[in-house]
Protein backbone atom coordinates (compact mmCIF):
# COMPACT_ATOMS: atom_id res chain seq x y z
CA MET A 1 -7.43 12.43 -25.84
CA ARG A 2 -8.83 12.71 -22.38
CA GLU A 3 -9.04 16.11 -20.69
CA TRP A 4 -6.85 16.16 -17.54
CA LYS A 5 -6.81 19.76 -16.46
CA GLY A 6 -8.77 20.29 -13.28
CA LYS A 7 -9.42 16.57 -12.81
CA ARG A 8 -8.71 14.86 -9.51
CA TYR A 9 -7.16 11.40 -9.51
CA TRP A 10 -6.41 9.06 -6.63
CA LEU A 11 -3.38 6.94 -7.28
CA VAL A 12 -3.10 3.99 -4.88
CA GLY A 13 0.45 2.69 -4.64
CA ALA A 14 2.20 5.71 -6.06
CA SER A 15 5.13 6.39 -3.78
CA GLU A 16 7.73 4.79 -6.11
CA GLY A 17 8.27 2.87 -9.34
CA LEU A 18 5.51 2.72 -11.88
CA GLY A 19 2.97 4.52 -9.67
CA LEU A 20 5.31 7.46 -9.05
CA ALA A 21 6.20 7.79 -12.73
CA LEU A 22 2.55 7.71 -13.76
CA ALA A 23 1.59 10.27 -11.07
CA GLN A 24 4.21 12.64 -12.51
CA MET A 25 2.79 12.24 -16.01
CA LEU A 26 -0.75 12.91 -14.81
CA SER A 27 0.45 15.91 -12.86
CA ARG A 28 2.30 17.34 -15.85
CA ALA A 29 -0.90 16.91 -17.92
CA GLY A 30 -2.76 19.19 -15.47
CA ALA A 31 -4.52 16.68 -13.11
CA GLU A 32 -4.56 17.08 -9.38
CA VAL A 33 -3.10 13.86 -7.97
CA ILE A 34 -3.73 12.37 -4.52
CA LEU A 35 -1.02 9.80 -3.77
CA SER A 36 -1.55 6.92 -1.42
CA ALA A 37 0.77 4.27 0.00
CA ARG A 38 1.68 2.97 3.45
CA SER A 39 4.85 4.97 3.93
CA ALA A 40 4.22 8.58 4.90
CA ASP A 41 7.89 9.49 4.32
CA ARG A 42 7.96 8.09 0.80
CA LEU A 43 4.67 9.81 0.03
CA ALA A 44 6.04 13.14 1.15
CA GLU A 45 9.02 12.73 -1.17
CA ALA A 46 6.75 11.68 -4.06
CA VAL A 47 4.44 14.72 -3.59
CA ALA A 48 7.47 17.00 -3.57
CA ALA A 49 8.45 15.56 -6.97
CA MET A 50 5.12 16.46 -8.58
CA PRO A 51 5.09 19.40 -11.02
CA GLY A 52 1.47 20.28 -10.22
CA LYS A 53 -1.05 20.16 -7.49
CA ALA A 54 -0.59 17.06 -5.34
CA SER A 55 -1.23 15.76 -1.87
CA ALA A 56 -0.33 12.71 0.20
CA LEU A 57 -2.92 10.39 1.70
CA PRO A 58 -1.31 7.50 3.69
CA CYS A 59 -3.38 4.35 3.38
CA ASP A 60 -2.95 0.67 4.05
CA VAL A 61 -4.97 -1.22 1.46
CA SER A 62 -4.83 -4.41 3.56
CA ASP A 63 -6.86 -2.67 6.25
CA SER A 64 -10.55 -1.98 5.43
CA ALA A 65 -10.79 0.76 8.04
CA SER A 66 -7.79 2.55 6.63
CA VAL A 67 -9.21 2.40 3.07
CA LYS A 68 -12.63 3.63 4.16
CA ALA A 69 -11.06 6.53 6.13
CA ALA A 70 -8.90 7.53 3.17
CA ALA A 71 -11.83 7.43 0.74
CA ALA A 72 -13.98 9.47 3.09
CA SER A 73 -11.35 12.27 3.15
CA LEU A 74 -10.96 12.37 -0.66
CA GLY A 75 -14.07 14.24 -1.57
CA ASP A 76 -15.34 13.80 -5.16
CA ILE A 77 -12.72 12.41 -7.51
CA ASP A 78 -12.70 11.93 -11.23
CA GLY A 79 -10.62 8.83 -11.33
CA VAL A 80 -8.78 6.14 -9.38
CA VAL A 81 -5.75 4.13 -10.44
CA TYR A 82 -4.84 1.05 -8.51
CA LEU A 83 -1.13 0.29 -8.64
CA ALA A 84 -0.38 -1.17 -5.19
CA GLY A 85 1.24 -4.54 -5.14
CA VAL A 86 3.70 -6.84 -3.34
CA TYR A 87 5.68 -9.74 -4.79
CA TRP A 88 7.92 -12.53 -3.75
CA PRO A 89 8.95 -15.32 -6.12
CA THR A 90 7.31 -18.40 -4.56
CA LYS A 91 7.20 -22.08 -5.65
CA ALA A 92 4.48 -24.35 -4.37
CA GLN A 93 7.18 -26.58 -2.82
CA GLU A 94 8.43 -23.55 -0.82
CA TRP A 95 5.03 -22.10 0.12
CA ASN A 96 5.36 -19.13 2.48
CA ALA A 97 1.88 -18.59 3.86
CA GLU A 98 2.50 -15.04 5.11
CA GLN A 99 3.90 -13.92 1.76
CA VAL A 100 1.26 -15.68 -0.36
CA GLU A 101 -1.56 -14.24 1.75
CA ALA A 102 -0.03 -10.77 1.51
CA MET A 103 0.11 -10.95 -2.30
CA CYS A 104 -3.48 -12.02 -2.48
CA ASP A 105 -4.64 -9.46 0.11
CA ILE A 106 -2.80 -6.44 -1.26
CA ASN A 107 -2.70 -7.12 -5.00
CA PHE A 108 -6.32 -8.33 -5.38
CA THR A 109 -8.41 -7.80 -2.22
CA GLY A 110 -6.82 -4.40 -1.66
CA CYS A 111 -7.82 -3.47 -5.21
CA ALA A 112 -11.41 -4.50 -4.46
CA ARG A 113 -11.37 -2.45 -1.19
CA ALA A 114 -10.08 0.69 -2.85
CA ILE A 115 -12.37 0.53 -5.89
CA GLY A 116 -15.34 -0.38 -3.72
CA ALA A 117 -14.74 2.66 -1.51
CA VAL A 118 -15.06 5.19 -4.38
CA LEU A 119 -17.11 3.45 -7.08
CA PRO A 120 -20.53 4.06 -5.47
CA GLY A 121 -19.89 7.80 -5.56
CA MET A 122 -18.99 7.60 -9.27
CA VAL A 123 -22.14 5.60 -10.00
CA GLU A 124 -24.25 8.20 -8.15
CA ARG A 125 -22.61 11.04 -10.10
CA GLY A 126 -22.77 9.18 -13.40
CA HIS A 127 -19.13 9.66 -14.33
CA GLY A 128 -15.66 8.43 -13.40
CA HIS A 129 -12.58 6.62 -14.58
CA VAL A 130 -11.26 3.39 -13.00
CA VAL A 131 -7.83 2.02 -14.00
CA ILE A 132 -6.64 -1.33 -12.66
CA THR A 133 -3.10 -2.69 -12.99
CA GLY A 134 -3.04 -6.36 -13.94
CA SER A 135 0.01 -8.20 -15.24
CA LEU A 136 1.13 -10.46 -18.06
CA SER A 137 1.56 -13.08 -15.34
CA GLY A 138 -2.17 -13.06 -14.82
CA PHE A 139 -3.11 -14.65 -18.15
CA ARG A 140 -2.21 -18.23 -17.00
CA GLY A 141 -0.61 -19.81 -13.98
CA LEU A 142 3.19 -19.71 -14.03
CA PRO A 143 5.90 -21.65 -12.15
CA GLY A 144 7.35 -19.85 -9.13
CA ALA A 145 4.48 -17.42 -9.08
CA ILE A 146 2.24 -18.77 -6.33
CA GLY A 147 0.20 -15.90 -5.00
CA TYR A 148 1.23 -13.30 -7.59
CA SER A 149 -0.20 -14.90 -10.75
CA ALA A 150 -3.44 -15.69 -8.95
CA SER A 151 -3.76 -12.25 -7.46
CA LYS A 152 -3.19 -10.49 -10.78
CA ALA A 153 -5.60 -12.84 -12.54
CA GLY A 154 -8.14 -11.73 -9.97
CA THR A 155 -7.60 -8.02 -10.65
CA MET A 156 -7.89 -8.62 -14.40
CA ALA A 157 -11.17 -10.52 -13.96
CA LEU A 158 -12.44 -7.79 -11.64
CA ALA A 159 -11.75 -5.21 -14.31
CA GLU A 160 -13.55 -7.33 -16.95
CA SER A 161 -16.64 -7.72 -14.78
CA MET A 162 -16.71 -4.03 -14.05
CA TYR A 163 -16.35 -3.22 -17.73
CA CYS A 164 -19.28 -5.56 -18.51
CA ASP A 165 -21.52 -3.78 -16.03
CA LEU A 166 -20.44 -0.18 -16.49
CA ARG A 167 -20.28 0.19 -20.26
CA GLY A 168 -22.44 3.16 -21.28
CA SER A 169 -22.83 4.37 -17.72
CA GLY A 170 -20.40 7.31 -17.95
CA ILE A 171 -17.77 5.41 -15.94
CA ASP A 172 -14.74 4.35 -17.98
CA VAL A 173 -13.03 1.10 -16.86
CA GLN A 174 -9.59 0.17 -18.08
CA VAL A 175 -6.99 -2.47 -17.25
CA ALA A 176 -3.25 -2.34 -18.03
CA ASN A 177 -1.20 -5.56 -18.01
CA PRO A 178 2.54 -4.80 -17.91
CA GLY A 179 5.40 -7.24 -18.16
CA PHE A 180 8.65 -6.90 -16.17
CA ILE A 181 9.34 -3.43 -14.82
CA ARG A 182 12.61 -2.51 -13.11
CA THR A 183 11.55 -1.90 -9.50
CA ARG A 184 12.53 -3.11 -6.06
CA LEU A 185 10.04 -5.95 -6.47
CA THR A 186 11.59 -7.42 -9.62
CA GLN A 187 15.03 -7.11 -8.04
CA LYS A 188 13.99 -10.23 -6.13
CA ASN A 189 14.06 -12.31 -9.32
CA ASP A 190 17.12 -14.40 -9.98
CA PHE A 191 16.35 -15.09 -13.64
CA SER A 192 16.67 -13.15 -16.83
CA MET A 193 13.69 -10.87 -17.40
CA PRO A 194 12.89 -10.42 -21.09
CA PHE A 195 11.78 -6.99 -22.32
CA LEU A 196 12.51 -5.45 -18.95
CA MET A 197 11.06 -1.92 -18.86
CA GLU A 198 12.05 1.18 -16.90
CA PRO A 199 9.18 2.60 -14.80
CA GLU A 200 9.00 5.75 -16.98
CA ALA A 201 8.52 3.66 -20.16
CA ALA A 202 5.81 1.58 -18.55
CA ALA A 203 4.10 4.68 -17.26
CA ARG A 204 4.06 6.13 -20.80
CA GLU A 205 2.26 2.96 -21.93
CA MET A 206 -0.27 3.35 -19.18
CA PHE A 207 -0.79 7.05 -19.77
CA GLU A 208 -1.30 6.47 -23.51
CA HIS A 209 -3.80 3.74 -22.62
CA MET A 210 -5.61 6.03 -20.23
CA ASN A 211 -5.96 8.59 -23.07
CA SER A 212 -7.52 5.97 -25.34
CA ASP A 213 -10.99 4.53 -25.57
CA SER A 214 -9.81 0.89 -25.34
CA PHE A 215 -10.48 -1.32 -22.35
CA LYS A 216 -7.29 -3.38 -22.19
CA ARG A 217 -3.64 -2.87 -22.98
CA SER A 218 -0.96 -5.52 -22.53
CA PHE A 219 2.67 -4.54 -22.94
CA PRO A 220 5.43 -4.73 -24.14
CA MET A 221 3.43 -5.77 -27.19
CA MET A 222 5.66 -8.51 -28.58
CA PHE A 223 6.17 -10.03 -25.14
CA SER A 224 2.46 -9.89 -24.39
CA TRP A 225 1.66 -12.03 -27.45
CA LEU A 226 3.34 -15.04 -25.78
CA PHE A 227 1.09 -14.79 -22.77
CA ARG A 228 -2.05 -14.06 -24.74
CA LEU A 229 -1.42 -16.97 -27.13
CA SER A 230 -0.79 -19.25 -24.16
CA GLN A 231 -4.51 -19.01 -23.37
CA PHE A 232 -5.30 -20.91 -26.55
CA LEU A 233 -2.92 -23.76 -25.83
CA PRO A 234 -4.43 -26.97 -24.46
CA ASP A 235 -3.31 -27.90 -20.99
CA TRP A 236 -1.18 -30.82 -22.19
CA ALA A 237 0.80 -28.49 -24.47
CA TYR A 238 1.01 -25.53 -22.06
CA TYR A 239 2.38 -27.52 -19.10
CA ARG A 240 4.95 -29.34 -21.18
CA ILE A 241 6.70 -25.98 -21.50
CA PHE A 242 7.52 -26.15 -17.77
CA ALA A 243 9.47 -29.24 -16.67
CA PRO A 244 8.35 -30.67 -13.33
CA LYS A 245 10.74 -29.89 -10.46
């Protein structure tokens, strides 16, 4: 079990949904939480809902200057959790350049910006905790997921590379790969979402993972097996699952 009391954690993308639910759990455990998102109004509401010490730090992860300014005002932190993300269901035949670029820029490049802004300080101090949110959709490319699958695959690979480099350094790196969570993003889907989770249930999975010594957790467990096993299928078998349209 990790010690939370007196620790300072920066949660990026924590004004609603999974990020808000996880921030509340960390706050109840005794951590000081610094919440970031683009909307100052939503952040104010989120901070008001925290049971412990909390503050708002508006930040646009698509803007390097905004991320650097936010990181500079943080002071020393014990951990960072990257939860920011945008999503639009997008087929290749209906490519929306603005939306696809936003998914890549916020979901993946934004993650690299935020982590890169605080990791050097952790390396210098010799301790820290980095948690990255991937997705079951990042294990292999999926139909109708242009932008999203690719961006989440990028965050998962980023976490893997960091874990390779930072093992034994005093900096813990973890990645959590959730399935469908009931949020305003998944409300855009017009298909049935198996094993749909409420934000609080998904946050409990992440919090349990953050208390463990393991690097990766994919959940819900039974649903995750489908995606993990798909990596072992040859291309001819995998793509036969999806009929061309």
